Amino acid sequence: MLLVQLDGARMRSLEGVYREYLREFSFPEYFGWNWAAFDECMKELEGQPAHAYLTIITRGGEVLSDEPEELSTFLRRLEEIGRRWSGAFAVGPAWGGGEVPFHTVVIDGSDTLDVPTTREDA
């Protein structure tokens, strides 16, 4: 499982969202800094193969607070990405084949969690 913790305070703008995901999910250098590129990178995750993904976003109330018109798009994209991975059969031996759980938990509060970013292939 790949467990990633993102801080919503660093994701107040669309650029901040892209920057956090780029860093934590090892997007390729050619990442295009737009929603289409975000979708492509998150639906492939070639640099981060795992049997399951869990992303925890703390301070969720701050996500896209500088660009609130982008929030619904961001949440819709996460839902579509999760749906894609849940039906990702036979994606290759690095992922173990079959469905790949991909979940995002948003915690709306000012406290951060002490959750280490770990990678365990279960």
C-alpha atoms as a PDB file:
ATOM      1  CA  MET A   1       0.000   0.000   0.000  1.00  0.00           C
ATOM      2  CA  LEU A   2       1.145   3.499  -0.759  1.00  0.00           C
ATOM      3  CA  LEU A   3       0.101   5.904   2.002  1.00  0.00           C
ATOM      4  CA  VAL A   4       0.487   9.594   1.251  1.00  0.00           C
ATOM      5  CA  GLN A   5      -0.304  12.512   3.549  1.00  0.00           C
ATOM      6  CA  LEU A   6      -0.871  15.911   1.986  1.00  0.00           C
ATOM      7  CA  ASP A   7      -1.281  19.195   3.868  1.00  0.00           C
ATOM      8  CA  GLY A   8      -4.213  21.234   2.588  1.00  0.00           C
ATOM      9  CA  ALA A   9      -2.444  24.396   3.753  1.00  0.00           C
ATOM     10  CA  ARG A  10       0.045  23.851   0.917  1.00  0.00           C
ATOM     11  CA  MET A  11      -2.805  23.240  -1.532  1.00  0.00           C
ATOM     12  CA  ARG A  12      -4.616  26.587  -1.343  1.00  0.00           C
ATOM     13  CA  SER A  13      -4.114  27.216  -5.065  1.00  0.00           C
ATOM     14  CA  LEU A  14      -4.350  24.988  -8.097  1.00  0.00           C
ATOM     15  CA  GLU A  15      -0.581  25.263  -8.497  1.00  0.00           C
ATOM     16  CA  GLY A  16      -0.202  24.109  -4.880  1.00  0.00           C
ATOM     17  CA  VAL A  17      -2.433  21.083  -5.535  1.00  0.00           C
ATOM     18  CA  TYR A  18      -0.402  20.135  -8.584  1.00  0.00           C
ATOM     19  CA  ARG A  19       2.877  20.722  -6.749  1.00  0.00           C
ATOM     20  CA  GLU A  20       1.892  18.457  -3.827  1.00  0.00           C
ATOM     21  CA  TYR A  21       0.693  15.625  -6.046  1.00  0.00           C
ATOM     22  CA  LEU A  22       3.680  15.980  -8.358  1.00  0.00           C
ATOM     23  CA  ARG A  23       6.050  15.645  -5.402  1.00  0.00           C
ATOM     24  CA  GLU A  24       4.277  12.827  -3.573  1.00  0.00           C
ATOM     25  CA  PHE A  25       3.274  10.732  -6.574  1.00  0.00           C
ATOM     26  CA  SER A  26       6.476  11.283  -8.578  1.00  0.00           C
ATOM     27  CA  PHE A  27       4.855  12.753 -11.667  1.00  0.00           C
ATOM     28  CA  PRO A  28       7.132  12.765 -14.724  1.00  0.00           C
ATOM     29  CA  GLU A  29       9.113  15.881 -15.589  1.00  0.00           C
ATOM     30  CA  TYR A  30       6.860  16.592 -18.560  1.00  0.00           C
ATOM     31  CA  PHE A  31       3.795  17.103 -16.295  1.00  0.00           C
ATOM     32  CA  GLY A  32       1.651  19.751 -18.014  1.00  0.00           C
ATOM     33  CA  TRP A  33       0.267  21.660 -14.979  1.00  0.00           C
ATOM     34  CA  ASN A  34      -3.388  21.288 -16.020  1.00  0.00           C
ATOM     35  CA  TRP A  35      -6.316  19.006 -15.189  1.00  0.00           C
ATOM     36  CA  ALA A  36      -5.789  16.755 -18.216  1.00  0.00           C
ATOM     37  CA  ALA A  37      -2.153  16.161 -17.243  1.00  0.00           C
ATOM     38  CA  PHE A  38      -3.184  15.583 -13.609  1.00  0.00           C
ATOM     39  CA  ASP A  39      -5.716  12.973 -14.705  1.00  0.00           C
ATOM     40  CA  GLU A  40      -3.213  11.242 -16.945  1.00  0.00           C
ATOM     41  CA  CYS A  41      -0.519  11.053 -14.273  1.00  0.00           C
ATOM     42  CA  MET A  42      -2.889   9.908 -11.526  1.00  0.00           C
ATOM     43  CA  LYS A  43      -4.494   7.267 -13.724  1.00  0.00           C
ATOM     44  CA  GLU A  44      -1.125   5.780 -14.664  1.00  0.00           C
ATOM     45  CA  LEU A  45       1.134   6.253 -11.611  1.00  0.00           C
ATOM     46  CA  GLU A  46       3.988   4.547 -13.415  1.00  0.00           C
ATOM     47  CA  GLY A  47       6.489   5.830 -10.855  1.00  0.00           C
ATOM     48  CA  GLN A  48       4.467   4.605  -7.871  1.00  0.00           C
ATOM     49  CA  PRO A  49       3.037   1.112  -8.508  1.00  0.00           C
ATOM     50  CA  ALA A  50       1.266  -0.289  -5.455  1.00  0.00           C
ATOM     51  CA  HIS A  51      -1.455  -2.787  -4.587  1.00  0.00           C
ATOM     52  CA  ALA A  52      -3.511  -0.008  -2.968  1.00  0.00           C
ATOM     53  CA  TYR A  53      -3.367   3.765  -2.542  1.00  0.00           C
ATOM     54  CA  LEU A  54      -4.510   5.880   0.394  1.00  0.00           C
ATOM     55  CA  THR A  55      -4.124   9.635   0.341  1.00  0.00           C
ATOM     56  CA  ILE A  56      -4.933  11.596   3.489  1.00  0.00           C
ATOM     57  CA  ILE A  57      -5.399  15.328   3.063  1.00  0.00           C
ATOM     58  CA  THR A  58      -5.246  17.191   6.363  1.00  0.00           C
ATOM     59  CA  ARG A  59      -6.546  20.755   6.757  1.00  0.00           C
ATOM     60  CA  GLY A  60      -9.053  19.973   4.052  1.00  0.00           C
ATOM     61  CA  GLY A  61     -10.853  23.268   4.554  1.00  0.00           C
ATOM     62  CA  GLU A  62      -7.831  25.051   3.121  1.00  0.00           C
ATOM     63  CA  VAL A  63      -7.653  23.060  -0.127  1.00  0.00           C
ATOM     64  CA  LEU A  64      -8.178  25.474  -3.028  1.00  0.00           C
ATOM     65  CA  SER A  65      -9.320  28.211  -0.645  1.00  0.00           C
ATOM     66  CA  ASP A  66      -7.600  30.766  -2.912  1.00  0.00           C
ATOM     67  CA  GLU A  67      -9.381  29.346  -5.978  1.00  0.00           C
ATOM     68  CA  PRO A  68     -12.700  27.950  -4.689  1.00  0.00           C
ATOM     69  CA  GLU A  69     -14.113  27.648  -8.217  1.00  0.00           C
ATOM     70  CA  GLU A  70     -11.634  24.769  -8.777  1.00  0.00           C
ATOM     71  CA  LEU A  71     -12.686  22.722  -5.720  1.00  0.00           C
ATOM     72  CA  SER A  72     -15.596  20.870  -7.331  1.00  0.00           C
ATOM     73  CA  THR A  73     -13.382  19.992 -10.306  1.00  0.00           C
ATOM     74  CA  PHE A  74     -10.671  18.662  -7.975  1.00  0.00           C
ATOM     75  CA  LEU A  75     -13.123  16.509  -6.000  1.00  0.00           C
ATOM     76  CA  ARG A  76     -14.746  15.209  -9.182  1.00  0.00           C
ATOM     77  CA  ARG A  77     -11.312  14.303 -10.587  1.00  0.00           C
ATOM     78  CA  LEU A  78     -10.423  12.385  -7.418  1.00  0.00           C
ATOM     79  CA  GLU A  79     -13.696  10.463  -7.663  1.00  0.00           C
ATOM     80  CA  GLU A  80     -13.062   9.601 -11.323  1.00  0.00           C
ATOM     81  CA  ILE A  81      -9.488   8.529 -10.582  1.00  0.00           C
ATOM     82  CA  GLY A  82     -10.648   6.287  -7.738  1.00  0.00           C
ATOM     83  CA  ARG A  83     -13.305   4.757  -9.981  1.00  0.00           C
ATOM     84  CA  ARG A  84     -10.720   4.100 -12.696  1.00  0.00           C
ATOM     85  CA  TRP A  85      -8.392   2.293 -10.296  1.00  0.00           C
ATOM     86  CA  SER A  86     -11.218   0.242  -8.778  1.00  0.00           C
ATOM     87  CA  GLY A  87     -11.854  -1.207 -12.217  1.00  0.00           C
ATOM     88  CA  ALA A  88      -8.201  -1.515 -13.212  1.00  0.00           C
ATOM     89  CA  PHE A  89      -7.962  -5.188 -14.006  1.00  0.00           C
ATOM     90  CA  ALA A  90      -4.720  -6.699 -15.276  1.00  0.00           C
ATOM     91  CA  VAL A  91      -2.744  -3.473 -15.061  1.00  0.00           C
ATOM     92  CA  GLY A  92       0.466  -5.434 -14.868  1.00  0.00           C
ATOM     93  CA  PRO A  93       2.596  -7.399 -12.423  1.00  0.00           C
ATOM     94  CA  ALA A  94       3.865  -4.279 -10.633  1.00  0.00           C
ATOM     95  CA  TRP A  95       0.319  -3.678  -9.422  1.00  0.00           C
ATOM     96  CA  GLY A  96      -0.497  -7.340  -8.824  1.00  0.00           C
ATOM     97  CA  GLY A  97      -3.395  -7.461 -11.300  1.00  0.00           C
ATOM     98  CA  GLY A  98      -7.031  -7.143 -10.349  1.00  0.00           C
ATOM     99  CA  GLU A  99      -8.692  -4.180  -8.701  1.00  0.00           C
ATOM    100  CA  VAL A 100      -6.488  -1.528  -7.124  1.00  0.00           C
ATOM    101  CA  PRO A 101      -8.103   0.346  -4.218  1.00  0.00           C
ATOM    102  CA  PHE A 102      -7.494   4.084  -4.471  1.00  0.00           C
ATOM    103  CA  HIS A 103      -8.949   6.190  -1.671  1.00  0.00           C
ATOM    104  CA  THR A 104      -8.635   9.795  -0.618  1.00  0.00           C
ATOM    105  CA  VAL A 105      -9.652  10.922   2.871  1.00  0.00           C
ATOM    106  CA  VAL A 106     -10.076  14.636   3.490  1.00  0.00           C
ATOM    107  CA  ILE A 107      -9.880  15.775   7.094  1.00  0.00           C
ATOM    108  CA  ASP A 108     -11.340  19.230   7.600  1.00  0.00           C
ATOM    109  CA  GLY A 109      -9.519  20.566  10.616  1.00  0.00           C
ATOM    110  CA  SER A 110      -6.495  22.556  11.636  1.00  0.00           C
ATOM    111  CA  ASP A 111      -4.615  19.673  13.220  1.00  0.00           C
ATOM    112  CA  THR A 112      -2.270  17.516  11.210  1.00  0.00           C
ATOM    113  CA  LEU A 113      -1.934  13.802  11.681  1.00  0.00           C
ATOM    114  CA  ASP A 114       1.315  12.124  12.544  1.00  0.00           C
ATOM    115  CA  VAL A 115       0.990   9.555   9.771  1.00  0.00           C
ATOM    116  CA  PRO A 116       4.268   8.557   8.173  1.00  0.00           C
ATOM    117  CA  THR A 117       4.333   8.219   4.414  1.00  0.00           C
ATOM    118  CA  THR A 118       4.959   4.535   3.916  1.00  0.00           C
ATOM    119  CA  ARG A 119       5.046   2.048   1.149  1.00  0.00           C
ATOM    120  CA  GLU A 120       4.266  -1.562   1.796  1.00  0.00           C
ATOM    121  CA  ASP A 121       3.443  -3.999  -0.917  1.00  0.00           C
ATOM    122  CA  ALA A 122       0.782  -6.128   0.700  1.00  0.00           C
END
